[in-house]
Amino acid sequence: MGEHAEDAKRYIAGTTMTEALEKARLLNKEGIGTLLVPLECEREEAAFEKRVEELKELSRQMGMKMIRGGISVRLSDFGFREQKDRAVERLVRVIRAAEEYALAIWIDMEEPEVVEDTLETYLDLRKKFPHLSITLQSRLDRTSQDLRRVIGARGRIRLVKGEFSDPSGKSSDDPEGIRRRYLGDMELLFSEGAMFAIATHDEQILEGASKLQKSHPRMMEFQMYLGVREDRIRTLLFEGGFPVTLYLPFGPSPGGYLHRTGLQGEKGKK
C-alpha cells in the first residue's frame, strides 16, 4: 500500500483539479509546458456528461490562471464505444470550450480495435478545428500509413511507442523492434510532417530526435510523463533549447493509469 501511494505521488499531479493546476503553474514557471489529463471516468451516461463539464471547467481554470499547455482526452470518456455520434458531440463541446482560451486538445489513442474509428473521427474534426491533435502508436503495424494520412491533412501528431499489442500479429512486442519502428516513424515526421510531439523517455530516440531537429528544424516538442527522467527533461530544455511538455494526470484513483502505462513498478523505463 505504501509503495503504491508513493508511485501515485511521483507520477500523478494531484487528486484534484486544483492540485493539478498548481503543479502546472509551477512547471510553467520553469519554462515547461503541461498537458493536463483527468483520469478515467465511469462508463455510464451521467459520467460522460460530467466529464464534459469537468473539462470545460478545466479549460476555464487554465485560461484564468494563464496555464501554458493543453488537455489530453480519451474518447472512451465521452462514451465513444457506447454511442459514437453522441460521444463526438460531447468532444466538440469540450474543444470549443478549450478554444476560447487558446488551449489545444490532444486525443489519446486507446485499444487497437478503436484506432480506425478514432482516426476517422479526428480527420473529420480536424477540418473544423485546426489545433486538434492525435496520438499514434509506433507499436502497431498500421501506424506508418496512419502517419501519412494525418500528415496529408496537416494534422498535429503525438508519436508514442504505445501500450497495446498489435492484433494483426505483424509486429513484435520486442523492445528493439518497437524502437526501430518508432525511429522510422520519427524520420517520416521530420521528413514530411509540420507539427508534432516526440513522446518518449528512450534515450536513443531522444538523441536521434535532437539531432534531426537541429539539422531539419520543425515545429516539434518533446513530451514526457511526470516523474520520469526529470533530470533529462531539464537538459533537453535548458541545455538543448528544445520545448518540453509534461503529461500531468490527476484524479482520486490512479491505480488503473499506473498499471496501464507500465509506470507502476517500472520506475520509468518507457
C-alpha atoms as a PDB file:
ATOM      1  CA  MET A   1       0.000   0.000   0.000  1.00  0.00           C
ATOM      2  CA  GLY A   2       2.779   2.419   0.910  1.00  0.00           C
ATOM      3  CA  GLU A   3       4.686   1.741  -2.316  1.00  0.00           C
ATOM      4  CA  HIS A   4       1.545   2.278  -4.399  1.00  0.00           C
ATOM      5  CA  ALA A   5       0.888   5.567  -2.628  1.00  0.00           C
ATOM      6  CA  GLU A   6       4.448   6.661  -3.349  1.00  0.00           C
ATOM      7  CA  ASP A   7       4.007   5.773  -7.040  1.00  0.00           C
ATOM      8  CA  ALA A   8       0.887   7.901  -7.170  1.00  0.00           C
ATOM      9  CA  LYS A   9       2.668  10.816  -5.553  1.00  0.00           C
ATOM     10  CA  ARG A  10       5.517  10.613  -8.047  1.00  0.00           C
ATOM     11  CA  TYR A  11       3.574  10.160 -11.266  1.00  0.00           C
ATOM     12  CA  ILE A  12       0.279  11.946 -10.555  1.00  0.00           C
ATOM     13  CA  ALA A  13      -0.165  15.724 -10.463  1.00  0.00           C
ATOM     14  CA  GLY A  14      -2.738  15.509  -7.685  1.00  0.00           C
ATOM     15  CA  THR A  15      -6.063  14.035  -6.708  1.00  0.00           C
ATOM     16  CA  THR A  16      -7.970  17.215  -7.590  1.00  0.00           C
ATOM     17  CA  MET A  17      -8.069  19.737 -10.414  1.00  0.00           C
ATOM     18  CA  THR A  18      -6.814  22.433  -8.047  1.00  0.00           C
ATOM     19  CA  GLU A  19      -3.695  20.422  -7.208  1.00  0.00           C
ATOM     20  CA  ALA A  20      -3.013  19.657 -10.868  1.00  0.00           C
ATOM     21  CA  LEU A  21      -3.370  23.301 -11.868  1.00  0.00           C
ATOM     22  CA  GLU A  22      -0.910  24.347  -9.173  1.00  0.00           C
ATOM     23  CA  LYS A  23       1.578  21.724 -10.391  1.00  0.00           C
ATOM     24  CA  ALA A  24       1.137  23.028 -13.935  1.00  0.00           C
ATOM     25  CA  ARG A  25       1.672  26.604 -12.787  1.00  0.00           C
ATOM     26  CA  LEU A  26       4.952  25.710 -11.087  1.00  0.00           C
ATOM     27  CA  LEU A  27       6.197  23.787 -14.133  1.00  0.00           C
ATOM     28  CA  ASN A  28       5.277  26.703 -16.388  1.00  0.00           C
ATOM     29  CA  LYS A  29       7.456  28.940 -14.214  1.00  0.00           C
ATOM     30  CA  GLU A  30      10.382  26.676 -15.151  1.00  0.00           C
ATOM     31  CA  GLY A  31       9.512  27.010 -18.824  1.00  0.00           C
ATOM     32  CA  ILE A  32       7.949  23.536 -19.057  1.00  0.00           C
ATOM     33  CA  GLY A  33       4.677  23.065 -20.923  1.00  0.00           C
ATOM     34  CA  THR A  34       1.857  20.967 -19.460  1.00  0.00           C
ATOM     35  CA  LEU A  35      -0.812  18.575 -20.704  1.00  0.00           C
ATOM     36  CA  LEU A  36      -3.486  18.064 -18.078  1.00  0.00           C
ATOM     37  CA  VAL A  37      -5.123  14.628 -18.105  1.00  0.00           C
ATOM     38  CA  PRO A  38      -8.149  13.756 -15.946  1.00  0.00           C
ATOM     39  CA  LEU A  39      -8.032  10.059 -15.051  1.00  0.00           C
ATOM     40  CA  GLU A  40     -10.624   7.621 -16.446  1.00  0.00           C
ATOM     41  CA  CYS A  41     -14.285   8.048 -15.559  1.00  0.00           C
ATOM     42  CA  GLU A  42     -17.103   5.521 -15.145  1.00  0.00           C
ATOM     43  CA  ARG A  43     -18.697   4.110 -18.300  1.00  0.00           C
ATOM     44  CA  GLU A  44     -22.224   5.455 -17.935  1.00  0.00           C
ATOM     45  CA  GLU A  45     -24.244   8.326 -19.388  1.00  0.00           C
ATOM     46  CA  ALA A  46     -24.131  10.559 -16.332  1.00  0.00           C
ATOM     47  CA  ALA A  47     -20.363  10.155 -16.043  1.00  0.00           C
ATOM     48  CA  PHE A  48     -19.840  11.047 -19.715  1.00  0.00           C
ATOM     49  CA  GLU A  49     -21.788  14.281 -19.292  1.00  0.00           C
ATOM     50  CA  LYS A  50     -19.988  15.040 -16.053  1.00  0.00           C
ATOM     51  CA  ARG A  51     -16.654  14.611 -17.829  1.00  0.00           C
ATOM     52  CA  VAL A  52     -17.652  17.216 -20.422  1.00  0.00           C
ATOM     53  CA  GLU A  53     -18.463  19.739 -17.695  1.00  0.00           C
ATOM     54  CA  GLU A  54     -15.231  18.923 -15.847  1.00  0.00           C
ATOM     55  CA  LEU A  55     -13.177  19.520 -18.968  1.00  0.00           C
ATOM     56  CA  LYS A  56     -14.963  22.765 -19.754  1.00  0.00           C
ATOM     57  CA  GLU A  57     -14.211  23.937 -16.223  1.00  0.00           C
ATOM     58  CA  LEU A  58     -10.602  22.779 -16.562  1.00  0.00           C
ATOM     59  CA  SER A  59     -10.282  24.899 -19.710  1.00  0.00           C
ATOM     60  CA  ARG A  60     -11.745  27.886 -17.905  1.00  0.00           C
ATOM     61  CA  GLN A  61      -9.405  27.486 -14.955  1.00  0.00           C
ATOM     62  CA  MET A  62      -6.364  27.052 -17.194  1.00  0.00           C
ATOM     63  CA  GLY A  63      -7.338  30.183 -19.092  1.00  0.00           C
ATOM     64  CA  MET A  64      -7.908  32.242 -15.956  1.00  0.00           C
ATOM     65  CA  LYS A  65      -4.633  31.089 -14.408  1.00  0.00           C
ATOM     66  CA  MET A  66      -2.795  31.526 -17.723  1.00  0.00           C
ATOM     67  CA  ILE A  67      -1.538  27.930 -17.706  1.00  0.00           C
ATOM     68  CA  ARG A  68       0.575  27.193 -20.782  1.00  0.00           C
ATOM     69  CA  GLY A  69      -0.335  23.885 -22.332  1.00  0.00           C
ATOM     70  CA  GLY A  70      -3.319  21.794 -23.311  1.00  0.00           C
ATOM     71  CA  ILE A  71      -5.628  18.953 -22.318  1.00  0.00           C
ATOM     72  CA  SER A  72      -5.378  15.283 -23.299  1.00  0.00           C
ATOM     73  CA  VAL A  73      -8.643  13.341 -23.596  1.00  0.00           C
ATOM     74  CA  ARG A  74      -9.806   9.779 -24.268  1.00  0.00           C
ATOM     75  CA  LEU A  75     -12.836   9.270 -26.494  1.00  0.00           C
ATOM     76  CA  SER A  76     -13.977   6.440 -24.218  1.00  0.00           C
ATOM     77  CA  ASP A  77     -14.584   9.047 -21.503  1.00  0.00           C
ATOM     78  CA  PHE A  78     -17.302  10.527 -23.734  1.00  0.00           C
ATOM     79  CA  GLY A  79     -18.994   7.184 -24.462  1.00  0.00           C
ATOM     80  CA  PHE A  80     -17.336   6.537 -27.828  1.00  0.00           C
ATOM     81  CA  ARG A  81     -17.823   2.780 -27.603  1.00  0.00           C
ATOM     82  CA  GLU A  82     -21.420   3.063 -26.468  1.00  0.00           C
ATOM     83  CA  GLN A  83     -22.676   5.732 -28.910  1.00  0.00           C
ATOM     84  CA  LYS A  84     -20.136   7.214 -31.308  1.00  0.00           C
ATOM     85  CA  ASP A  85     -22.177  10.195 -32.592  1.00  0.00           C
ATOM     86  CA  ARG A  86     -23.132  11.295 -29.094  1.00  0.00           C
ATOM     87  CA  ALA A  87     -19.523  10.982 -27.951  1.00  0.00           C
ATOM     88  CA  VAL A  88     -18.293  13.158 -30.826  1.00  0.00           C
ATOM     89  CA  GLU A  89     -20.869  15.813 -29.947  1.00  0.00           C
ATOM     90  CA  ARG A  90     -19.544  15.821 -26.388  1.00  0.00           C
ATOM     91  CA  LEU A  91     -15.970  16.118 -27.628  1.00  0.00           C
ATOM     92  CA  VAL A  92     -16.899  19.081 -29.813  1.00  0.00           C
ATOM     93  CA  ARG A  93     -18.314  20.894 -26.783  1.00  0.00           C
ATOM     94  CA  VAL A  94     -15.003  20.367 -25.000  1.00  0.00           C
ATOM     95  CA  ILE A  95     -12.934  21.529 -27.976  1.00  0.00           C
ATOM     96  CA  ARG A  96     -14.958  24.721 -28.291  1.00  0.00           C
ATOM     97  CA  ALA A  97     -14.559  25.469 -24.593  1.00  0.00           C
ATOM     98  CA  ALA A  98     -10.782  24.964 -24.865  1.00  0.00           C
ATOM     99  CA  GLU A  99     -10.518  27.151 -27.946  1.00  0.00           C
ATOM    100  CA  GLU A 100     -11.996  30.084 -26.022  1.00  0.00           C
ATOM    101  CA  TYR A 101      -8.729  30.106 -24.075  1.00  0.00           C
ATOM    102  CA  ALA A 102      -6.426  29.109 -26.959  1.00  0.00           C
ATOM    103  CA  LEU A 103      -5.849  25.671 -25.431  1.00  0.00           C
ATOM    104  CA  ALA A 104      -5.077  22.614 -27.548  1.00  0.00           C
ATOM    105  CA  ILE A 105      -6.989  19.347 -27.200  1.00  0.00           C
ATOM    106  CA  TRP A 106      -4.976  16.157 -27.768  1.00  0.00           C
ATOM    107  CA  ILE A 107      -6.881  12.935 -28.453  1.00  0.00           C
ATOM    108  CA  ASP A 108      -5.177   9.990 -26.772  1.00  0.00           C
ATOM    109  CA  MET A 109      -5.212   6.657 -28.585  1.00  0.00           C
ATOM    110  CA  GLU A 110      -6.754   3.591 -26.975  1.00  0.00           C
ATOM    111  CA  GLU A 111      -7.055  -0.116 -27.851  1.00  0.00           C
ATOM    112  CA  PRO A 112      -6.265  -1.253 -31.421  1.00  0.00           C
ATOM    113  CA  GLU A 113      -9.906  -2.085 -32.191  1.00  0.00           C
ATOM    114  CA  VAL A 114     -10.904   1.589 -31.928  1.00  0.00           C
ATOM    115  CA  VAL A 115      -7.903   3.062 -33.754  1.00  0.00           C
ATOM    116  CA  GLU A 116      -9.616   3.353 -37.138  1.00  0.00           C
ATOM    117  CA  ASP A 117     -12.780   4.959 -35.764  1.00  0.00           C
ATOM    118  CA  THR A 118     -10.690   7.301 -33.617  1.00  0.00           C
ATOM    119  CA  LEU A 119      -8.535   8.317 -36.566  1.00  0.00           C
ATOM    120  CA  GLU A 120     -11.523   8.893 -38.850  1.00  0.00           C
ATOM    121  CA  THR A 121     -13.171  10.992 -36.150  1.00  0.00           C
ATOM    122  CA  TYR A 122     -10.007  13.043 -35.770  1.00  0.00           C
ATOM    123  CA  LEU A 123      -9.576  13.634 -39.501  1.00  0.00           C
ATOM    124  CA  ASP A 124     -13.194  14.758 -39.798  1.00  0.00           C
ATOM    125  CA  LEU A 125     -12.960  17.145 -36.835  1.00  0.00           C
ATOM    126  CA  ARG A 126      -9.546  18.423 -37.960  1.00  0.00           C
ATOM    127  CA  LYS A 127     -11.336  20.218 -40.841  1.00  0.00           C
ATOM    128  CA  LYS A 128     -13.201  22.370 -38.301  1.00  0.00           C
ATOM    129  CA  PHE A 129     -10.643  22.556 -35.503  1.00  0.00           C
ATOM    130  CA  PRO A 130      -7.120  23.051 -36.896  1.00  0.00           C
ATOM    131  CA  HIS A 131      -5.404  22.858 -33.485  1.00  0.00           C
ATOM    132  CA  LEU A 132      -6.865  19.450 -32.610  1.00  0.00           C
ATOM    133  CA  SER A 133      -4.134  16.817 -32.199  1.00  0.00           C
ATOM    134  CA  ILE A 134      -3.977  12.993 -32.324  1.00  0.00           C
ATOM    135  CA  THR A 135      -1.810  10.284 -30.761  1.00  0.00           C
ATOM    136  CA  LEU A 136      -0.360   7.468 -32.895  1.00  0.00           C
ATOM    137  CA  GLN A 137       1.397   4.330 -31.632  1.00  0.00           C
ATOM    138  CA  SER A 138       4.521   3.009 -33.356  1.00  0.00           C
ATOM    139  CA  ARG A 139       3.923  -0.424 -31.825  1.00  0.00           C
ATOM    140  CA  LEU A 140       1.132  -1.017 -34.396  1.00  0.00           C
ATOM    141  CA  ASP A 141       1.837  -2.213 -37.920  1.00  0.00           C
ATOM    142  CA  ARG A 142      -0.599   0.284 -39.422  1.00  0.00           C
ATOM    143  CA  THR A 143       0.989   3.415 -37.957  1.00  0.00           C
ATOM    144  CA  SER A 144       3.256   4.444 -40.849  1.00  0.00           C
ATOM    145  CA  GLN A 145       0.206   4.579 -43.112  1.00  0.00           C
ATOM    146  CA  ASP A 146      -1.793   6.442 -40.471  1.00  0.00           C
ATOM    147  CA  LEU A 147       1.022   8.966 -40.152  1.00  0.00           C
ATOM    148  CA  ARG A 148       0.808   9.700 -43.862  1.00  0.00           C
ATOM    149  CA  ARG A 149      -2.949  10.207 -43.611  1.00  0.00           C
ATOM    150  CA  VAL A 150      -2.595  12.702 -40.787  1.00  0.00           C
ATOM    151  CA  ILE A 151       0.367  14.464 -42.374  1.00  0.00           C
ATOM    152  CA  GLY A 152      -1.662  14.787 -45.574  1.00  0.00           C
ATOM    153  CA  ALA A 153      -4.411  16.501 -43.575  1.00  0.00           C
ATOM    154  CA  ARG A 154      -1.803  18.784 -41.972  1.00  0.00           C
ATOM    155  CA  GLY A 155      -2.711  17.409 -38.567  1.00  0.00           C
ATOM    156  CA  ARG A 156      -0.664  17.568 -35.408  1.00  0.00           C
ATOM    157  CA  ILE A 157       0.658  14.244 -34.087  1.00  0.00           C
ATOM    158  CA  ARG A 158       1.937  12.910 -30.773  1.00  0.00           C
ATOM    159  CA  LEU A 159       4.073   9.858 -31.546  1.00  0.00           C
ATOM    160  CA  VAL A 160       4.292   7.249 -28.765  1.00  0.00           C
ATOM    161  CA  LYS A 161       5.563   3.686 -28.600  1.00  0.00           C
ATOM    162  CA  GLY A 162       2.119   2.544 -27.483  1.00  0.00           C
ATOM    163  CA  GLU A 163       0.621   0.444 -24.728  1.00  0.00           C
ATOM    164  CA  PHE A 164      -1.225  -2.228 -26.730  1.00  0.00           C
ATOM    165  CA  SER A 165      -0.040  -5.242 -28.720  1.00  0.00           C
ATOM    166  CA  ASP A 166      -0.791  -5.297 -32.450  1.00  0.00           C
ATOM    167  CA  PRO A 167      -3.742  -7.666 -33.104  1.00  0.00           C
ATOM    168  CA  SER A 168      -2.523  -8.201 -36.676  1.00  0.00           C
ATOM    169  CA  GLY A 169       0.418 -10.178 -35.344  1.00  0.00           C
ATOM    170  CA  LYS A 170       2.668  -8.415 -37.863  1.00  0.00           C
ATOM    171  CA  SER A 171       4.628  -6.501 -35.260  1.00  0.00           C
ATOM    172  CA  SER A 172       6.590  -7.717 -32.286  1.00  0.00           C
ATOM    173  CA  ASP A 173       6.477  -6.593 -28.671  1.00  0.00           C
ATOM    174  CA  ASP A 174      10.277  -6.837 -28.602  1.00  0.00           C
ATOM    175  CA  PRO A 175      11.641  -3.514 -27.311  1.00  0.00           C
ATOM    176  CA  GLU A 176      14.251  -3.280 -30.074  1.00  0.00           C
ATOM    177  CA  GLY A 177      11.631  -3.891 -32.749  1.00  0.00           C
ATOM    178  CA  ILE A 178       9.355  -1.218 -31.305  1.00  0.00           C
ATOM    179  CA  ARG A 179      12.264   1.217 -31.134  1.00  0.00           C
ATOM    180  CA  ARG A 180      13.119   0.601 -34.793  1.00  0.00           C
ATOM    181  CA  ARG A 181       9.521   1.249 -35.784  1.00  0.00           C
ATOM    182  CA  TYR A 182       9.475   4.446 -33.749  1.00  0.00           C
ATOM    183  CA  LEU A 183      12.721   5.696 -35.279  1.00  0.00           C
ATOM    184  CA  GLY A 184      11.351   5.036 -38.775  1.00  0.00           C
ATOM    185  CA  ASP A 185       8.077   6.817 -37.990  1.00  0.00           C
ATOM    186  CA  MET A 186      10.008   9.698 -36.471  1.00  0.00           C
ATOM    187  CA  GLU A 187      12.119  10.109 -39.598  1.00  0.00           C
ATOM    188  CA  LEU A 188       8.902  10.306 -41.627  1.00  0.00           C
ATOM    189  CA  LEU A 189       7.640  13.078 -39.344  1.00  0.00           C
ATOM    190  CA  PHE A 190      10.842  15.076 -39.732  1.00  0.00           C
ATOM    191  CA  SER A 191      10.818  14.477 -43.467  1.00  0.00           C
ATOM    192  CA  GLU A 192       7.186  15.243 -44.259  1.00  0.00           C
ATOM    193  CA  GLY A 193       5.474  16.467 -41.079  1.00  0.00           C
ATOM    194  CA  ALA A 194       4.984  20.005 -39.868  1.00  0.00           C
ATOM    195  CA  MET A 195       3.815  19.996 -36.226  1.00  0.00           C
ATOM    196  CA  PHE A 196       4.374  17.035 -33.908  1.00  0.00           C
ATOM    197  CA  ALA A 197       5.435  15.796 -30.488  1.00  0.00           C
ATOM    198  CA  ILE A 198       8.031  13.118 -29.809  1.00  0.00           C
ATOM    199  CA  ALA A 199       6.671  11.424 -26.676  1.00  0.00           C
ATOM    200  CA  THR A 200       9.252   9.056 -25.188  1.00  0.00           C
ATOM    201  CA  HIS A 201      11.883   8.568 -22.496  1.00  0.00           C
ATOM    202  CA  ASP A 202      14.012   6.308 -24.688  1.00  0.00           C
ATOM    203  CA  GLU A 203      17.492   7.845 -24.784  1.00  0.00           C
ATOM    204  CA  GLN A 204      18.312   6.585 -28.272  1.00  0.00           C
ATOM    205  CA  ILE A 205      15.145   8.202 -29.628  1.00  0.00           C
ATOM    206  CA  LEU A 206      15.707  11.412 -27.683  1.00  0.00           C
ATOM    207  CA  GLU A 207      19.213  11.744 -29.098  1.00  0.00           C
ATOM    208  CA  GLY A 208      18.046  10.940 -32.621  1.00  0.00           C
ATOM    209  CA  ALA A 209      15.234  13.482 -32.473  1.00  0.00           C
ATOM    210  CA  SER A 210      17.566  16.149 -31.066  1.00  0.00           C
ATOM    211  CA  LYS A 211      19.955  15.690 -33.998  1.00  0.00           C
ATOM    212  CA  LEU A 212      17.150  15.710 -36.564  1.00  0.00           C
ATOM    213  CA  GLN A 213      15.628  18.851 -35.095  1.00  0.00           C
ATOM    214  CA  LYS A 214      18.946  20.661 -35.310  1.00  0.00           C
ATOM    215  CA  SER A 215      19.551  19.618 -38.918  1.00  0.00           C
ATOM    216  CA  HIS A 216      15.906  19.744 -40.132  1.00  0.00           C
ATOM    217  CA  PRO A 217      14.033  22.142 -37.820  1.00  0.00           C
ATOM    218  CA  ARG A 218      10.311  21.513 -37.393  1.00  0.00           C
ATOM    219  CA  MET A 219       7.567  22.738 -35.059  1.00  0.00           C
ATOM    220  CA  MET A 220       8.348  19.904 -32.659  1.00  0.00           C
ATOM    221  CA  GLU A 221       8.287  19.371 -28.916  1.00  0.00           C
ATOM    222  CA  PHE A 222       9.254  16.569 -26.577  1.00  0.00           C
ATOM    223  CA  GLN A 223       6.546  15.146 -24.318  1.00  0.00           C
ATOM    224  CA  MET A 224       7.269  13.049 -21.237  1.00  0.00           C
ATOM    225  CA  TYR A 225       5.492  11.572 -18.228  1.00  0.00           C
ATOM    226  CA  LEU A 226       5.550  13.403 -14.917  1.00  0.00           C
ATOM    227  CA  GLY A 227       8.020  11.773 -12.537  1.00  0.00           C
ATOM    228  CA  VAL A 228      10.147  10.045 -15.189  1.00  0.00           C
ATOM    229  CA  ARG A 229      13.697  11.155 -16.040  1.00  0.00           C
ATOM    230  CA  GLU A 230      13.124  14.668 -14.741  1.00  0.00           C
ATOM    231  CA  ASP A 231      16.841  15.423 -14.988  1.00  0.00           C
ATOM    232  CA  ARG A 232      16.685  14.644 -18.721  1.00  0.00           C
ATOM    233  CA  ILE A 233      13.669  16.888 -19.152  1.00  0.00           C
ATOM    234  CA  ARG A 234      15.691  19.807 -17.911  1.00  0.00           C
ATOM    235  CA  THR A 235      18.752  19.084 -20.030  1.00  0.00           C
ATOM    236  CA  LEU A 236      16.536  18.967 -23.131  1.00  0.00           C
ATOM    237  CA  LEU A 237      15.010  22.283 -22.170  1.00  0.00           C
ATOM    238  CA  PHE A 238      17.873  24.268 -20.694  1.00  0.00           C
ATOM    239  CA  GLU A 239      20.900  22.820 -22.493  1.00  0.00           C
ATOM    240  CA  GLY A 240      19.315  21.687 -25.740  1.00  0.00           C
ATOM    241  CA  GLY A 241      16.855  24.543 -26.071  1.00  0.00           C
ATOM    242  CA  PHE A 242      14.003  22.187 -27.021  1.00  0.00           C
ATOM    243  CA  PRO A 243      10.395  22.764 -25.964  1.00  0.00           C
ATOM    244  CA  VAL A 244       9.282  20.140 -23.432  1.00  0.00           C
ATOM    245  CA  THR A 245       5.771  19.350 -22.224  1.00  0.00           C
ATOM    246  CA  LEU A 246       4.899  17.114 -19.266  1.00  0.00           C
ATOM    247  CA  TYR A 247       1.871  14.813 -19.162  1.00  0.00           C
ATOM    248  CA  LEU A 248       0.014  15.607 -15.900  1.00  0.00           C
ATOM    249  CA  PRO A 249      -2.641  13.027 -14.965  1.00  0.00           C
ATOM    250  CA  PHE A 250      -4.809  13.817 -11.961  1.00  0.00           C
ATOM    251  CA  GLY A 251      -7.674  12.222 -10.077  1.00  0.00           C
ATOM    252  CA  PRO A 252      -8.536  10.217  -6.962  1.00  0.00           C
ATOM    253  CA  SER A 253      -7.874   6.701  -8.339  1.00  0.00           C
ATOM    254  CA  PRO A 254      -4.542   6.488 -10.194  1.00  0.00           C
ATOM    255  CA  GLY A 255      -4.087   2.707  -9.989  1.00  0.00           C
ATOM    256  CA  GLY A 256      -5.519   1.986 -13.439  1.00  0.00           C
ATOM    257  CA  TYR A 257      -3.374   4.666 -15.067  1.00  0.00           C
ATOM    258  CA  LEU A 258      -0.184   3.467 -13.365  1.00  0.00           C
ATOM    259  CA  HIS A 259      -0.812  -0.130 -14.397  1.00  0.00           C
ATOM    260  CA  ARG A 260      -1.889   0.709 -17.965  1.00  0.00           C
ATOM    261  CA  THR A 261       1.138   2.889 -18.674  1.00  0.00           C
ATOM    262  CA  GLY A 262       3.577   0.491 -17.032  1.00  0.00           C
ATOM    263  CA  LEU A 263       4.813   3.164 -14.629  1.00  0.00           C
ATOM    264  CA  GLN A 264       3.901   1.237 -11.507  1.00  0.00           C
ATOM    265  CA  GLY A 265       6.897  -0.864 -10.563  1.00  0.00           C
ATOM    266  CA  GLU A 266       8.762   0.004 -13.758  1.00  0.00           C
ATOM    267  CA  LYS A 267      10.410   3.190 -12.485  1.00  0.00           C
ATOM    268  CA  GLY A 268      10.159   4.912 -15.809  1.00  0.00           C
ATOM    269  CA  LYS A 269      11.679   2.534 -18.351  1.00  0.00           C
ATOM    270  CA  LYS A 270       9.431   3.847 -21.168  1.00  0.00           C
END
